[in-house]
Amino acid sequence: MFNNIGVSGLILILAIALIVFGPSKLPQLGRAFGDTLREFRNSTRNIMDDGDRDHLIENEGKKPPL
């Protein structure tokens, strides 16, 4: 997703964020973004674990396909 953003693009985005939100709000926004990203990752990990667990329960006692 962010593969095409270079250093100059990142600096431009940070400069615009600094102008729009101000220096006092940026740490709070970064912290909120990090918390949101962490929550999303944990949720997707839990969903994947539940799916794996359901798959194991469904296939318990069955021979694996050859």
PDB file of N, CA and C in Angstrom:
ATOM      1  N   MET A   1       0.816  -1.184   0.000  1.00  0.00           N
ATOM      2  CA  MET A   1       0.000   0.000   0.000  1.00  0.00           C
ATOM      3  C   MET A   1       0.866   1.256   0.000  1.00  0.00           C
ATOM      4  N   PHE A   2       1.880   1.274   0.842  1.00  0.00           N
ATOM      5  CA  PHE A   2       2.746   2.444   0.936  1.00  0.00           C
ATOM      6  C   PHE A   2       4.072   2.236   0.215  1.00  0.00           C
ATOM      7  N   ASN A   3       4.115   1.290  -0.694  1.00  0.00           N
ATOM      8  CA  ASN A   3       5.354   0.988  -1.393  1.00  0.00           C
ATOM      9  C   ASN A   3       5.798   2.129  -2.298  1.00  0.00           C
ATOM     10  N   ASN A   4       4.867   2.917  -2.797  1.00  0.00           N
ATOM     11  CA  ASN A   4       5.205   3.959  -3.751  1.00  0.00           C
ATOM     12  C   ASN A   4       5.532   5.299  -3.095  1.00  0.00           C
ATOM     13  N   ILE A   5       5.400   5.407  -1.781  1.00  0.00           N
ATOM     14  CA  ILE A   5       5.696   6.656  -1.097  1.00  0.00           C
ATOM     15  C   ILE A   5       7.190   6.681  -0.776  1.00  0.00           C
ATOM     16  N   GLY A   6       7.860   7.685  -1.277  1.00  0.00           N
ATOM     17  CA  GLY A   6       9.278   7.837  -1.002  1.00  0.00           C
ATOM     18  C   GLY A   6       9.493   8.721   0.220  1.00  0.00           C
ATOM     19  N   VAL A   7      10.735   9.041   0.462  1.00  0.00           N
ATOM     20  CA  VAL A   7      11.084   9.880   1.605  1.00  0.00           C
ATOM     21  C   VAL A   7      10.473  11.267   1.444  1.00  0.00           C
ATOM     22  N   SER A   8      10.548  11.824   0.239  1.00  0.00           N
ATOM     23  CA  SER A   8       9.989  13.162   0.022  1.00  0.00           C
ATOM     24  C   SER A   8       8.479  13.161   0.205  1.00  0.00           C
ATOM     25  N   GLY A   9       7.798  12.115  -0.214  1.00  0.00           N
ATOM     26  CA  GLY A   9       6.353  12.011  -0.020  1.00  0.00           C
ATOM     27  C   GLY A   9       5.985  11.907   1.445  1.00  0.00           C
ATOM     28  N   LEU A  10       6.771  11.149   2.190  1.00  0.00           N
ATOM     29  CA  LEU A  10       6.535  11.006   3.621  1.00  0.00           C
ATOM     30  C   LEU A  10       6.748  12.336   4.344  1.00  0.00           C
ATOM     31  N   ILE A  11       7.787  13.063   3.976  1.00  0.00           N
ATOM     32  CA  ILE A  11       8.037  14.375   4.578  1.00  0.00           C
ATOM     33  C   ILE A  11       6.899  15.333   4.252  1.00  0.00           C
ATOM     34  N   LEU A  12       6.396  15.288   3.037  1.00  0.00           N
ATOM     35  CA  LEU A  12       5.279  16.146   2.642  1.00  0.00           C
ATOM     36  C   LEU A  12       4.026  15.823   3.449  1.00  0.00           C
ATOM     37  N   ILE A  13       3.731  14.549   3.626  1.00  0.00           N
ATOM     38  CA  ILE A  13       2.566  14.141   4.416  1.00  0.00           C
ATOM     39  C   ILE A  13       2.709  14.603   5.861  1.00  0.00           C
ATOM     40  N   LEU A  14       3.887  14.438   6.445  1.00  0.00           N
ATOM     41  CA  LEU A  14       4.110  14.876   7.825  1.00  0.00           C
ATOM     42  C   LEU A  14       4.005  16.387   7.958  1.00  0.00           C
ATOM     43  N   ALA A  15       4.501  17.125   6.972  1.00  0.00           N
ATOM     44  CA  ALA A  15       4.409  18.586   7.009  1.00  0.00           C
ATOM     45  C   ALA A  15       2.956  19.038   6.932  1.00  0.00           C
ATOM     46  N   ILE A  16       2.174  18.409   6.076  1.00  0.00           N
ATOM     47  CA  ILE A  16       0.751  18.759   5.976  1.00  0.00           C
ATOM     48  C   ILE A  16       0.029  18.420   7.280  1.00  0.00           C
ATOM     49  N   ALA A  17       0.334  17.270   7.858  1.00  0.00           N
ATOM     50  CA  ALA A  17      -0.283  16.893   9.134  1.00  0.00           C
ATOM     51  C   ALA A  17       0.101  17.880  10.228  1.00  0.00           C
ATOM     52  N   LEU A  18       1.338  18.343  10.223  1.00  0.00           N
ATOM     53  CA  LEU A  18       1.778  19.315  11.219  1.00  0.00           C
ATOM     54  C   LEU A  18       1.035  20.632  11.060  1.00  0.00           C
ATOM     55  N   ILE A  19       0.820  21.055   9.816  1.00  0.00           N
ATOM     56  CA  ILE A  19       0.098  22.306   9.562  1.00  0.00           C
ATOM     57  C   ILE A  19      -1.375  22.167   9.953  1.00  0.00           C
ATOM     58  N   VAL A  20      -1.986  21.052   9.589  1.00  0.00           N
ATOM     59  CA  VAL A  20      -3.420  20.873   9.833  1.00  0.00           C
ATOM     60  C   VAL A  20      -3.723  20.660  11.309  1.00  0.00           C
ATOM     61  N   PHE A  21      -2.978  19.790  11.980  1.00  0.00           N
ATOM     62  CA  PHE A  21      -3.304  19.417  13.354  1.00  0.00           C
ATOM     63  C   PHE A  21      -2.499  20.167  14.402  1.00  0.00           C
ATOM     64  N   GLY A  22      -1.355  20.677  14.060  1.00  0.00           N
ATOM     65  CA  GLY A  22      -0.528  21.393  15.025  1.00  0.00           C
ATOM     66  C   GLY A  22       0.375  20.453  15.791  1.00  0.00           C
ATOM     67  N   PRO A  23       1.441  21.002  16.362  1.00  0.00           N
ATOM     68  CA  PRO A  23       2.422  20.154  17.039  1.00  0.00           C
ATOM     69  C   PRO A  23       1.913  19.512  18.332  1.00  0.00           C
ATOM     70  N   SER A  24       0.915  20.093  18.964  1.00  0.00           N
ATOM     71  CA  SER A  24       0.436  19.516  20.227  1.00  0.00           C
ATOM     72  C   SER A  24      -0.472  18.310  20.010  1.00  0.00           C
ATOM     73  N   LYS A  25      -1.131  18.231  18.858  1.00  0.00           N
ATOM     74  CA  LYS A  25      -2.052  17.133  18.582  1.00  0.00           C
ATOM     75  C   LYS A  25      -1.393  15.922  17.932  1.00  0.00           C
ATOM     76  N   LEU A  26      -0.255  16.106  17.275  1.00  0.00           N
ATOM     77  CA  LEU A  26       0.365  14.996  16.539  1.00  0.00           C
ATOM     78  C   LEU A  26       0.708  13.790  17.415  1.00  0.00           C
ATOM     79  N   PRO A  27       1.280  13.967  18.613  1.00  0.00           N
ATOM     80  CA  PRO A  27       1.549  12.776  19.434  1.00  0.00           C
ATOM     81  C   PRO A  27       0.277  12.024  19.816  1.00  0.00           C
ATOM     82  N   GLN A  28      -0.797  12.767  20.105  1.00  0.00           N
ATOM     83  CA  GLN A  28      -2.062  12.113  20.446  1.00  0.00           C
ATOM     84  C   GLN A  28      -2.621  11.352  19.251  1.00  0.00           C
ATOM     85  N   LEU A  29      -2.531  11.945  18.073  1.00  0.00           N
ATOM     86  CA  LEU A  29      -3.020  11.273  16.866  1.00  0.00           C
ATOM     87  C   LEU A  29      -2.196  10.022  16.555  1.00  0.00           C
ATOM     88  N   GLY A  30      -0.893  10.125  16.711  1.00  0.00           N
ATOM     89  CA  GLY A  30      -0.034   8.964  16.485  1.00  0.00           C
ATOM     90  C   GLY A  30      -0.330   7.836  17.448  1.00  0.00           C
ATOM     91  N   ARG A  31      -0.545   8.194  18.710  1.00  0.00           N
ATOM     92  CA  ARG A  31      -0.869   7.187  19.720  1.00  0.00           C
ATOM     93  C   ARG A  31      -2.208   6.527  19.409  1.00  0.00           C
ATOM     94  N   ALA A  32      -3.206   7.327  19.038  1.00  0.00           N
ATOM     95  CA  ALA A  32      -4.527   6.781  18.705  1.00  0.00           C
ATOM     96  C   ALA A  32      -4.440   5.878  17.476  1.00  0.00           C
ATOM     97  N   PHE A  33      -3.665   6.286  16.473  1.00  0.00           N
ATOM     98  CA  PHE A  33      -3.497   5.463  15.274  1.00  0.00           C
ATOM     99  C   PHE A  33      -2.812   4.140  15.623  1.00  0.00           C
ATOM    100  N   GLY A  34      -1.789   4.195  16.468  1.00  0.00           N
ATOM    101  CA  GLY A  34      -1.105   2.980  16.884  1.00  0.00           C
ATOM    102  C   GLY A  34      -2.010   2.043  17.660  1.00  0.00           C
ATOM    103  N   ASP A  35      -2.823   2.607  18.561  1.00  0.00           N
ATOM    104  CA  ASP A  35      -3.765   1.780  19.321  1.00  0.00           C
ATOM    105  C   ASP A  35      -4.791   1.122  18.405  1.00  0.00           C
ATOM    106  N   THR A  36      -5.279   1.891  17.432  1.00  0.00           N
ATOM    107  CA  THR A  36      -6.258   1.357  16.492  1.00  0.00           C
ATOM    108  C   THR A  36      -5.650   0.240  15.651  1.00  0.00           C
ATOM    109  N   LEU A  37      -4.435   0.443  15.183  1.00  0.00           N
ATOM    110  CA  LEU A  37      -3.758  -0.570  14.388  1.00  0.00           C
ATOM    111  C   LEU A  37      -3.497  -1.836  15.210  1.00  0.00           C
ATOM    112  N   ARG A  38      -3.097  -1.670  16.453  1.00  0.00           N
ATOM    113  CA  ARG A  38      -2.849  -2.816  17.335  1.00  0.00           C
ATOM    114  C   ARG A  38      -4.140  -3.588  17.570  1.00  0.00           C
ATOM    115  N   GLU A  39      -5.250  -2.882  17.827  1.00  0.00           N
ATOM    116  CA  GLU A  39      -6.537  -3.529  18.037  1.00  0.00           C
ATOM    117  C   GLU A  39      -6.979  -4.293  16.788  1.00  0.00           C
ATOM    118  N   PHE A  40      -6.779  -3.694  15.620  1.00  0.00           N
ATOM    119  CA  PHE A  40      -7.144  -4.349  14.360  1.00  0.00           C
ATOM    120  C   PHE A  40      -6.341  -5.622  14.167  1.00  0.00           C
ATOM    121  N   ARG A  41      -5.036  -5.548  14.423  1.00  0.00           N
ATOM    122  CA  ARG A  41      -4.187  -6.733  14.272  1.00  0.00           C
ATOM    123  C   ARG A  41      -4.603  -7.842  15.232  1.00  0.00           C
ATOM    124  N   ASN A  42      -4.883  -7.470  16.492  1.00  0.00           N
ATOM    125  CA  ASN A  42      -5.299  -8.479  17.463  1.00  0.00           C
ATOM    126  C   ASN A  42      -6.625  -9.114  17.067  1.00  0.00           C
ATOM    127  N   SER A  43      -7.542  -8.314  16.567  1.00  0.00           N
ATOM    128  CA  SER A  43      -8.843  -8.845  16.150  1.00  0.00           C
ATOM    129  C   SER A  43      -8.695  -9.800  14.978  1.00  0.00           C
ATOM    130  N   THR A  44      -7.910  -9.411  13.980  1.00  0.00           N
ATOM    131  CA  THR A  44      -7.735 -10.302  12.834  1.00  0.00           C
ATOM    132  C   THR A  44      -7.002 -11.578  13.241  1.00  0.00           C
ATOM    133  N   ARG A  45      -6.065 -11.468  14.148  1.00  0.00           N
ATOM    134  CA  ARG A  45      -5.360 -12.663  14.626  1.00  0.00           C
ATOM    135  C   ARG A  45      -6.336 -13.587  15.345  1.00  0.00           C
ATOM    136  N   ASN A  46      -7.230 -13.028  16.175  1.00  0.00           N
ATOM    137  CA  ASN A  46      -8.216 -13.846  16.877  1.00  0.00           C
ATOM    138  C   ASN A  46      -9.179 -14.508  15.903  1.00  0.00           C
ATOM    139  N   ILE A  47      -9.589 -13.789  14.871  1.00  0.00           N
ATOM    140  CA  ILE A  47     -10.490 -14.369  13.875  1.00  0.00           C
ATOM    141  C   ILE A  47      -9.803 -15.523  13.158  1.00  0.00           C
ATOM    142  N   MET A  48      -8.540 -15.347  12.801  1.00  0.00           N
ATOM    143  CA  MET A  48      -7.800 -16.411  12.124  1.00  0.00           C
ATOM    144  C   MET A  48      -7.634 -17.621  13.043  1.00  0.00           C
ATOM    145  N   ASP A  49      -7.350 -17.380  14.324  1.00  0.00           N
ATOM    146  CA  ASP A  49      -7.196 -18.482  15.269  1.00  0.00           C
ATOM    147  C   ASP A  49      -8.510 -19.243  15.439  1.00  0.00           C
ATOM    148  N   ASP A  50      -9.629 -18.507  15.494  1.00  0.00           N
ATOM    149  CA  ASP A  50     -10.936 -19.160  15.606  1.00  0.00           C
ATOM    150  C   ASP A  50     -11.227 -20.008  14.374  1.00  0.00           C
ATOM    151  N   GLY A  51     -10.886 -19.498  13.204  1.00  0.00           N
ATOM    152  CA  GLY A  51     -11.095 -20.257  11.975  1.00  0.00           C
ATOM    153  C   GLY A  51     -10.248 -21.512  11.941  1.00  0.00           C
ATOM    154  N   ASP A  52      -8.996 -21.412  12.393  1.00  0.00           N
ATOM    155  CA  ASP A  52      -8.122 -22.588  12.443  1.00  0.00           C
ATOM    156  C   ASP A  52      -8.661 -23.606  13.438  1.00  0.00           C
ATOM    157  N   ARG A  53      -9.142 -23.133  14.580  1.00  0.00           N
ATOM    158  CA  ARG A  53      -9.676 -24.019  15.602  1.00  0.00           C
ATOM    159  C   ARG A  53     -10.923 -24.730  15.074  1.00  0.00           C
ATOM    160  N   ASP A  54     -11.808 -23.991  14.392  1.00  0.00           N
ATOM    161  CA  ASP A  54     -13.007 -24.600  13.823  1.00  0.00           C
ATOM    162  C   ASP A  54     -12.639 -25.648  12.779  1.00  0.00           C
ATOM    163  N   HIS A  55     -11.645 -25.356  11.968  1.00  0.00           N
ATOM    164  CA  HIS A  55     -11.196 -26.301  10.941  1.00  0.00           C
ATOM    165  C   HIS A  55     -10.666 -27.575  11.586  1.00  0.00           C
ATOM    166  N   LEU A  56      -9.914 -27.444  12.671  1.00  0.00           N
ATOM    167  CA  LEU A  56      -9.380 -28.629  13.349  1.00  0.00           C
ATOM    168  C   LEU A  56     -10.500 -29.452  13.970  1.00  0.00           C
ATOM    169  N   ILE A  57     -11.492 -28.783  14.545  1.00  0.00           N
ATOM    170  CA  ILE A  57     -12.604 -29.501  15.169  1.00  0.00           C
ATOM    171  C   ILE A  57     -13.411 -30.245  14.107  1.00  0.00           C
ATOM    172  N   GLU A  58     -13.665 -29.615  12.967  1.00  0.00           N
ATOM    173  CA  GLU A  58     -14.433 -30.252  11.902  1.00  0.00           C
ATOM    174  C   GLU A  58     -13.716 -31.475  11.348  1.00  0.00           C
ATOM    175  N   ASN A  59     -12.402 -31.413  11.261  1.00  0.00           N
ATOM    176  CA  ASN A  59     -11.633 -32.493  10.643  1.00  0.00           C
ATOM    177  C   ASN A  59     -11.051 -33.470  11.660  1.00  0.00           C
ATOM    178  N   GLU A  60     -11.468 -33.364  12.907  1.00  0.00           N
ATOM    179  CA  GLU A  60     -10.942 -34.253  13.940  1.00  0.00           C
ATOM    180  C   GLU A  60     -11.430 -35.672  13.688  1.00  0.00           C
ATOM    181  N   GLY A  61     -10.514 -36.592  13.691  1.00  0.00           N
ATOM    182  CA  GLY A  61     -10.845 -37.985  13.481  1.00  0.00           C
ATOM    183  C   GLY A  61     -10.910 -38.388  12.021  1.00  0.00           C
ATOM    184  N   LYS A  62     -10.803 -37.446  11.111  1.00  0.00           N
ATOM    185  CA  LYS A  62     -10.823 -37.764   9.686  1.00  0.00           C
ATOM    186  C   LYS A  62      -9.384 -37.899   9.189  1.00  0.00           C
ATOM    187  N   LYS A  63      -9.222 -38.747   8.195  1.00  0.00           N
ATOM    188  CA  LYS A  63      -7.883 -38.869   7.596  1.00  0.00           C
ATOM    189  C   LYS A  63      -7.626 -37.676   6.699  1.00  0.00           C
ATOM    190  N   PRO A  64      -6.420 -37.161   6.703  1.00  0.00           N
ATOM    191  CA  PRO A  64      -6.114 -36.040   5.800  1.00  0.00           C
ATOM    192  C   PRO A  64      -6.133 -36.510   4.359  1.00  0.00           C
ATOM    193  N   PRO A  65      -6.545 -35.635   3.440  1.00  0.00           N
ATOM    194  CA  PRO A  65      -6.559 -36.022   2.028  1.00  0.00           C
ATOM    195  C   PRO A  65      -5.139 -36.252   1.510  1.00  0.00           C
ATOM    196  N   LEU A  66      -5.028 -37.193   0.603  1.00  0.00           N
ATOM    197  CA  LEU A  66      -3.704 -37.502   0.052  1.00  0.00           C
ATOM    198  C   LEU A  66      -3.372 -36.627  -1.085  1.00  0.00           C
TER     199      LEU A  66
END
